[in-house]
Amino acid sequence: MKGERRAALCALLAAALIMTAAGIALGQPYQVFVKAATVCLECVGIG
């Protein structure tokens, strides 16, 4: 039982790392920053 839980946790961690690497490779952090900055500026009334 404990080994199955650990294997599931390792698989989930591996999937998260793969998805994170794929997002970074596709330039997603830049797009998220641009959208966040736009929303922030709109809330302040500048953008």
PDB file of N, CA and C in Angstrom:
ATOM      1  N   MET A   1       0.827  -1.194   0.000  1.00  0.00           N
ATOM      2  CA  MET A   1       0.000   0.000   0.000  1.00  0.00           C
ATOM      3  C   MET A   1       0.871   1.258   0.000  1.00  0.00           C
ATOM      4  N   LYS A   2       1.874   1.283   0.868  1.00  0.00           N
ATOM      5  CA  LYS A   2       2.726   2.468   0.959  1.00  0.00           C
ATOM      6  C   LYS A   2       3.550   2.644  -0.318  1.00  0.00           C
ATOM      7  N   GLY A   3       3.996   1.516  -0.902  1.00  0.00           N
ATOM      8  CA  GLY A   3       4.771   1.580  -2.138  1.00  0.00           C
ATOM      9  C   GLY A   3       3.952   2.081  -3.306  1.00  0.00           C
ATOM     10  N   GLU A   4       2.662   1.717  -3.361  1.00  0.00           N
ATOM     11  CA  GLU A   4       1.772   2.183  -4.427  1.00  0.00           C
ATOM     12  C   GLU A   4       1.552   3.685  -4.324  1.00  0.00           C
ATOM     13  N   ARG A   5       1.394   4.155  -3.101  1.00  0.00           N
ATOM     14  CA  ARG A   5       1.183   5.589  -2.897  1.00  0.00           C
ATOM     15  C   ARG A   5       2.429   6.381  -3.304  1.00  0.00           C
ATOM     16  N   ARG A   6       3.580   5.836  -2.953  1.00  0.00           N
ATOM     17  CA  ARG A   6       4.832   6.511  -3.310  1.00  0.00           C
ATOM     18  C   ARG A   6       5.031   6.526  -4.822  1.00  0.00           C
ATOM     19  N   ALA A   7       4.682   5.423  -5.490  1.00  0.00           N
ATOM     20  CA  ALA A   7       4.802   5.352  -6.945  1.00  0.00           C
ATOM     21  C   ALA A   7       3.863   6.354  -7.612  1.00  0.00           C
ATOM     22  N   ALA A   8       2.652   6.482  -7.087  1.00  0.00           N
ATOM     23  CA  ALA A   8       1.697   7.442  -7.629  1.00  0.00           C
ATOM     24  C   ALA A   8       2.202   8.869  -7.434  1.00  0.00           C
ATOM     25  N   LEU A   9       2.779   9.143  -6.286  1.00  0.00           N
ATOM     26  CA  LEU A   9       3.328  10.469  -6.012  1.00  0.00           C
ATOM     27  C   LEU A   9       4.482  10.795  -6.959  1.00  0.00           C
ATOM     28  N   CYS A  10       5.349   9.832  -7.185  1.00  0.00           N
ATOM     29  CA  CYS A  10       6.473  10.032  -8.103  1.00  0.00           C
ATOM     30  C   CYS A  10       5.985  10.255  -9.528  1.00  0.00           C
ATOM     31  N   ALA A  11       4.956   9.521  -9.938  1.00  0.00           N
ATOM     32  CA  ALA A  11       4.395   9.690 -11.279  1.00  0.00           C
ATOM     33  C   ALA A  11       3.770  11.079 -11.431  1.00  0.00           C
ATOM     34  N   LEU A  12       3.076  11.529 -10.416  1.00  0.00           N
ATOM     35  CA  LEU A  12       2.465  12.861 -10.448  1.00  0.00           C
ATOM     36  C   LEU A  12       3.524  13.953 -10.498  1.00  0.00           C
ATOM     37  N   LEU A  13       4.585  13.784  -9.733  1.00  0.00           N
ATOM     38  CA  LEU A  13       5.680  14.748  -9.739  1.00  0.00           C
ATOM     39  C   LEU A  13       6.365  14.787 -11.103  1.00  0.00           C
ATOM     40  N   ALA A  14       6.589  13.615 -11.693  1.00  0.00           N
ATOM     41  CA  ALA A  14       7.214  13.545 -13.009  1.00  0.00           C
ATOM     42  C   ALA A  14       6.340  14.232 -14.061  1.00  0.00           C
ATOM     43  N   ALA A  15       5.029  14.008 -13.995  1.00  0.00           N
ATOM     44  CA  ALA A  15       4.112  14.649 -14.945  1.00  0.00           C
ATOM     45  C   ALA A  15       4.140  16.171 -14.779  1.00  0.00           C
ATOM     46  N   ALA A  16       4.183  16.646 -13.536  1.00  0.00           N
ATOM     47  CA  ALA A  16       4.226  18.088 -13.289  1.00  0.00           C
ATOM     48  C   ALA A  16       5.510  18.701 -13.832  1.00  0.00           C
ATOM     49  N   LEU A  17       6.626  18.011 -13.653  1.00  0.00           N
ATOM     50  CA  LEU A  17       7.897  18.522 -14.164  1.00  0.00           C
ATOM     51  C   LEU A  17       7.912  18.554 -15.696  1.00  0.00           C
ATOM     52  N   ILE A  18       7.347  17.530 -16.313  1.00  0.00           N
ATOM     53  CA  ILE A  18       7.287  17.490 -17.783  1.00  0.00           C
ATOM     54  C   ILE A  18       6.413  18.621 -18.308  1.00  0.00           C
ATOM     55  N   MET A  19       5.262  18.842 -17.693  1.00  0.00           N
ATOM     56  CA  MET A  19       4.366  19.918 -18.138  1.00  0.00           C
ATOM     57  C   MET A  19       4.992  21.294 -17.915  1.00  0.00           C
ATOM     58  N   THR A  20       5.697  21.463 -16.806  1.00  0.00           N
ATOM     59  CA  THR A  20       6.379  22.726 -16.540  1.00  0.00           C
ATOM     60  C   THR A  20       7.461  22.989 -17.582  1.00  0.00           C
ATOM     61  N   ALA A  21       8.237  21.976 -17.900  1.00  0.00           N
ATOM     62  CA  ALA A  21       9.286  22.123 -18.912  1.00  0.00           C
ATOM     63  C   ALA A  21       8.681  22.438 -20.281  1.00  0.00           C
ATOM     64  N   ALA A  22       7.578  21.801 -20.610  1.00  0.00           N
ATOM     65  CA  ALA A  22       6.922  22.062 -21.900  1.00  0.00           C
ATOM     66  C   ALA A  22       6.415  23.499 -21.959  1.00  0.00           C
ATOM     67  N   GLY A  23       5.842  23.981 -20.879  1.00  0.00           N
ATOM     68  CA  GLY A  23       5.347  25.359 -20.849  1.00  0.00           C
ATOM     69  C   GLY A  23       6.473  26.368 -20.989  1.00  0.00           C
ATOM     70  N   ILE A  24       7.573  26.119 -20.333  1.00  0.00           N
ATOM     71  CA  ILE A  24       8.730  27.012 -20.437  1.00  0.00           C
ATOM     72  C   ILE A  24       9.282  26.990 -21.854  1.00  0.00           C
ATOM     73  N   ALA A  25       9.344  25.810 -22.459  1.00  0.00           N
ATOM     74  CA  ALA A  25       9.865  25.689 -23.821  1.00  0.00           C
ATOM     75  C   ALA A  25       8.976  26.426 -24.821  1.00  0.00           C
ATOM     76  N   LEU A  26       7.692  26.518 -24.544  1.00  0.00           N
ATOM     77  CA  LEU A  26       6.762  27.187 -25.460  1.00  0.00           C
ATOM     78  C   LEU A  26       6.630  28.683 -25.178  1.00  0.00           C
ATOM     79  N   GLY A  27       7.342  29.191 -24.191  1.00  0.00           N
ATOM     80  CA  GLY A  27       7.317  30.628 -23.910  1.00  0.00           C
ATOM     81  C   GLY A  27       6.132  31.079 -23.078  1.00  0.00           C
ATOM     82  N   GLN A  28       5.520  30.193 -22.337  1.00  0.00           N
ATOM     83  CA  GLN A  28       4.348  30.541 -21.555  1.00  0.00           C
ATOM     84  C   GLN A  28       4.616  31.537 -20.425  1.00  0.00           C
ATOM     85  N   PRO A  29       5.757  31.485 -19.742  1.00  0.00           N
ATOM     86  CA  PRO A  29       5.958  32.458 -18.655  1.00  0.00           C
ATOM     87  C   PRO A  29       5.864  33.911 -19.137  1.00  0.00           C
ATOM     88  N   TYR A  30       6.389  34.189 -20.324  1.00  0.00           N
ATOM     89  CA  TYR A  30       6.328  35.543 -20.866  1.00  0.00           C
ATOM     90  C   TYR A  30       4.878  35.944 -21.119  1.00  0.00           C
ATOM     91  N   GLN A  31       4.093  35.049 -21.708  1.00  0.00           N
ATOM     92  CA  GLN A  31       2.697  35.355 -22.008  1.00  0.00           C
ATOM     93  C   GLN A  31       1.893  35.588 -20.735  1.00  0.00           C
ATOM     94  N   VAL A  32       2.154  34.793 -19.704  1.00  0.00           N
ATOM     95  CA  VAL A  32       1.450  34.971 -18.431  1.00  0.00           C
ATOM     96  C   VAL A  32       1.817  36.314 -17.817  1.00  0.00           C
ATOM     97  N   PHE A  33       3.096  36.692 -17.873  1.00  0.00           N
ATOM     98  CA  PHE A  33       3.520  37.977 -17.321  1.00  0.00           C
ATOM     99  C   PHE A  33       2.850  39.136 -18.057  1.00  0.00           C
ATOM    100  N   VAL A  34       2.798  39.069 -19.373  1.00  0.00           N
ATOM    101  CA  VAL A  34       2.184  40.145 -20.156  1.00  0.00           C
ATOM    102  C   VAL A  34       0.704  40.287 -19.807  1.00  0.00           C
ATOM    103  N   LYS A  35      -0.001  39.175 -19.712  1.00  0.00           N
ATOM    104  CA  LYS A  35      -1.424  39.231 -19.369  1.00  0.00           C
ATOM    105  C   LYS A  35      -1.631  39.771 -17.960  1.00  0.00           C
ATOM    106  N   ALA A  36      -0.788  39.346 -17.018  1.00  0.00           N
ATOM    107  CA  ALA A  36      -0.912  39.822 -15.638  1.00  0.00           C
ATOM    108  C   ALA A  36      -0.634  41.319 -15.555  1.00  0.00           C
ATOM    109  N   ALA A  37       0.365  41.781 -16.270  1.00  0.00           N
ATOM    110  CA  ALA A  37       0.686  43.210 -16.266  1.00  0.00           C
ATOM    111  C   ALA A  37      -0.450  44.023 -16.864  1.00  0.00           C
ATOM    112  N   THR A  38      -1.050  43.509 -17.924  1.00  0.00           N
ATOM    113  CA  THR A  38      -2.168  44.208 -18.557  1.00  0.00           C
ATOM    114  C   THR A  38      -3.353  44.319 -17.612  1.00  0.00           C
ATOM    115  N   VAL A  39      -3.698  43.228 -16.947  1.00  0.00           N
ATOM    116  CA  VAL A  39      -4.806  43.245 -16.000  1.00  0.00           C
ATOM    117  C   VAL A  39      -4.503  44.197 -14.850  1.00  0.00           C
ATOM    118  N   CYS A  40      -3.280  44.184 -14.357  1.00  0.00           N
ATOM    119  CA  CYS A  40      -2.903  45.045 -13.246  1.00  0.00           C
ATOM    120  C   CYS A  40      -3.016  46.520 -13.645  1.00  0.00           C
ATOM    121  N   LEU A  41      -2.521  46.838 -14.824  1.00  0.00           N
ATOM    122  CA  LEU A  41      -2.585  48.224 -15.284  1.00  0.00           C
ATOM    123  C   LEU A  41      -4.024  48.667 -15.523  1.00  0.00           C
ATOM    124  N   GLU A  42      -4.875  47.749 -15.980  1.00  0.00           N
ATOM    125  CA  GLU A  42      -6.289  48.094 -16.176  1.00  0.00           C
ATOM    126  C   GLU A  42      -6.976  48.363 -14.850  1.00  0.00           C
ATOM    127  N   CYS A  43      -6.605  47.597 -13.825  1.00  0.00           N
ATOM    128  CA  CYS A  43      -7.218  47.801 -12.513  1.00  0.00           C
ATOM    129  C   CYS A  43      -6.830  49.153 -11.927  1.00  0.00           C
ATOM    130  N   VAL A  44      -5.614  49.579 -12.172  1.00  0.00           N
ATOM    131  CA  VAL A  44      -5.138  50.859 -11.658  1.00  0.00           C
ATOM    132  C   VAL A  44      -5.726  52.005 -12.482  1.00  0.00           C
ATOM    133  N   GLY A  45      -6.072  51.723 -13.729  1.00  0.00           N
ATOM    134  CA  GLY A  45      -6.658  52.744 -14.591  1.00  0.00           C
ATOM    135  C   GLY A  45      -5.664  53.339 -15.564  1.00  0.00           C
ATOM    136  N   ILE A  46      -4.476  52.759 -15.664  1.00  0.00           N
ATOM    137  CA  ILE A  46      -3.449  53.281 -16.579  1.00  0.00           C
ATOM    138  C   ILE A  46      -3.617  52.691 -17.975  1.00  0.00           C
ATOM    139  N   GLY A  47      -3.912  51.414 -18.033  1.00  0.00           N
ATOM    140  CA  GLY A  47      -3.963  50.717 -19.317  1.00  0.00           C
ATOM    141  C   GLY A  47      -5.325  50.699 -19.863  1.00  0.00           C
TER     142      GLY A  47
END
